[in-house]
C-alpha atoms as a PDB file:
ATOM      1  CA  UNK A   1    -134.095 -80.661 -10.856  1.00  0.00           C
ATOM      2  CA  UNK A   2    -131.235 -83.106 -11.093  1.00  0.00           C
ATOM      3  CA  UNK A   3    -130.690 -86.318  -9.190  1.00  0.00           C
ATOM      4  CA  UNK A   4    -127.926 -84.561  -7.257  1.00  0.00           C
ATOM      5  CA  UNK A   5    -130.409 -81.841  -6.264  1.00  0.00           C
ATOM      6  CA  UNK A   6    -132.856 -84.445  -4.968  1.00  0.00           C
ATOM      7  CA  UNK A   7    -130.163 -86.249  -2.970  1.00  0.00           C
ATOM      8  CA  UNK A   8    -128.958 -82.917  -1.534  1.00  0.00           C
ATOM      9  CA  UNK A   9    -132.503 -82.041  -0.464  1.00  0.00           C
ATOM     10  CA  UNK A  10    -133.043 -85.508   1.031  1.00  0.00           C
ATOM     11  CA  UNK A  11    -129.916 -85.121   3.151  1.00  0.00           C
ATOM     12  CA  UNK A  12    -130.783 -81.521   4.053  1.00  0.00           C
ATOM     13  CA  UNK A  13    -134.201 -82.690   5.247  1.00  0.00           C
ATOM     14  CA  UNK A  14    -132.688 -85.341   7.514  1.00  0.00           C
ATOM     15  CA  UNK A  15    -133.021 -88.448   5.368  1.00  0.00           C
ATOM     16  CA  UNK A  16    -130.246 -90.992   5.397  1.00  0.00           C
ATOM     17  CA  UNK A  17    -129.201 -94.069   3.471  1.00  0.00           C
ATOM     18  CA  UNK A  18    -129.403 -97.430   5.197  1.00  0.00           C
ATOM     19  CA  UNK A  19    -127.823-100.563   3.830  1.00  0.00           C
ATOM     20  CA  UNK A  20    -130.512-103.208   3.423  1.00  0.00           C
ATOM     21  CA  UNK A  21    -130.219-106.818   2.213  1.00  0.00           C
ATOM     22  CA  UNK A  22    -132.085-105.935  -0.999  1.00  0.00           C
ATOM     23  CA  UNK A  23    -130.069-102.740  -1.571  1.00  0.00           C
ATOM     24  CA  UNK A  24    -129.607 -99.332  -0.035  1.00  0.00           C
ATOM     25  CA  UNK A  25    -132.740 -97.467   1.029  1.00  0.00           C
ATOM     26  CA  UNK A  26    -133.445 -93.873   1.996  1.00  0.00           C
ATOM     27  CA  UNK A  27    -135.038 -93.572   5.432  1.00  0.00           C
ATOM     28  CA  UNK A  28    -136.962 -90.594   6.824  1.00  0.00           C
ATOM     29  CA  UNK A  29    -138.859 -90.059  10.044  1.00  0.00           C
ATOM     30  CA  UNK A  30    -142.203 -88.269   9.667  1.00  0.00           C
ATOM     31  CA  UNK A  31    -140.762 -84.785  10.210  1.00  0.00           C
ATOM     32  CA  UNK A  32    -137.868 -85.362   7.800  1.00  0.00           C
ATOM     33  CA  UNK A  33    -140.234 -86.656   5.137  1.00  0.00           C
ATOM     34  CA  UNK A  34    -142.369 -83.515   5.477  1.00  0.00           C
ATOM     35  CA  UNK A  35    -139.247 -81.321   5.224  1.00  0.00           C
ATOM     36  CA  UNK A  36    -138.119 -83.209   2.120  1.00  0.00           C
ATOM     37  CA  UNK A  37    -141.524 -82.823   0.461  1.00  0.00           C
ATOM     38  CA  UNK A  38    -141.507 -79.095   1.262  1.00  0.00           C
ATOM     39  CA  UNK A  39    -138.015 -78.644  -0.192  1.00  0.00           C
ATOM     40  CA  UNK A  40    -138.942 -80.463  -3.402  1.00  0.00           C
ATOM     41  CA  UNK A  41    -142.181 -78.477  -3.754  1.00  0.00           C
ATOM     42  CA  UNK A  42    -140.361 -75.173  -3.172  1.00  0.00           C
ATOM     43  CA  UNK A  43    -137.718 -76.022  -5.771  1.00  0.00           C
ATOM     44  CA  UNK A  44    -140.386 -76.952  -8.310  1.00  0.00           C
ATOM     45  CA  UNK A  45    -142.397 -73.784  -7.600  1.00  0.00           C
ATOM     46  CA  UNK A  46    -139.297 -71.653  -8.114  1.00  0.00           C
ATOM     47  CA  UNK A  47    -138.437 -73.444 -11.363  1.00  0.00           C
ATOM     48  CA  UNK A  48    -141.968 -72.794 -12.650  1.00  0.00           C
ATOM     49  CA  UNK A  49    -141.930 -69.165 -11.502  1.00  0.00           C
ATOM     50  CA  UNK A  50    -138.616 -68.547 -13.287  1.00  0.00           C
ATOM     51  CA  UNK A  51    -140.265 -69.634 -16.528  1.00  0.00           C
ATOM     52  CA  UNK A  52    -142.853 -66.855 -16.059  1.00  0.00           C
ATOM     53  CA  UNK A  53    -140.444 -64.107 -14.967  1.00  0.00           C
ATOM     54  CA  UNK A  54    -140.254 -61.388 -17.571  1.00  0.00           C
ATOM     55  CA  UNK A  55    -142.949 -62.726 -19.883  1.00  0.00           C
ATOM     56  CA  UNK A  56    -144.408 -59.792 -21.747  1.00  0.00           C
ATOM     57  CA  UNK A  57    -147.705 -61.524 -22.474  1.00  0.00           C
ATOM     58  CA  UNK A  58    -150.210 -63.002 -20.039  1.00  0.00           C
ATOM     59  CA  UNK A  59    -148.831 -60.911 -17.159  1.00  0.00           C
ATOM     60  CA  UNK A  60    -145.799 -63.150 -16.686  1.00  0.00           C
ATOM     61  CA  UNK A  61    -144.533 -61.350 -13.597  1.00  0.00           C
ATOM     62  CA  UNK A  62    -147.960 -61.646 -11.946  1.00  0.00           C
ATOM     63  CA  UNK A  63    -147.965 -65.349 -12.809  1.00  0.00           C
ATOM     64  CA  UNK A  64    -144.493 -65.806 -11.279  1.00  0.00           C
ATOM     65  CA  UNK A  65    -145.555 -63.952  -8.123  1.00  0.00           C
ATOM     66  CA  UNK A  66    -148.677 -66.121  -7.814  1.00  0.00           C
ATOM     67  CA  UNK A  67    -146.623 -69.299  -8.128  1.00  0.00           C
ATOM     68  CA  UNK A  68    -144.152 -68.134  -5.487  1.00  0.00           C
ATOM     69  CA  UNK A  69    -146.997 -67.106  -3.161  1.00  0.00           C
ATOM     70  CA  UNK A  70    -148.258 -70.704  -3.075  1.00  0.00           C
ATOM     71  CA  UNK A  71    -145.355 -71.504  -0.764  1.00  0.00           C
ATOM     72  CA  UNK A  72    -146.466 -68.879   1.749  1.00  0.00           C
ATOM     73  CA  UNK A  73    -149.661 -70.657   2.737  1.00  0.00           C
END
């Protein structure tokens, strides 16, 4: 996940940048923070699952499916 990906997800979740005396700061209300956390977790799960896709040993496809299923809870 790149810095651009993180910034895109922060904006998508409803976060915004506020100019502060000590420097810019990202601000989120409670709901936006939860959406941001969910987006980051989903992106990380998918990145991990892609590593397992197609593995011939250790049931890679089952592993990938199990990782993806964690987001369905």
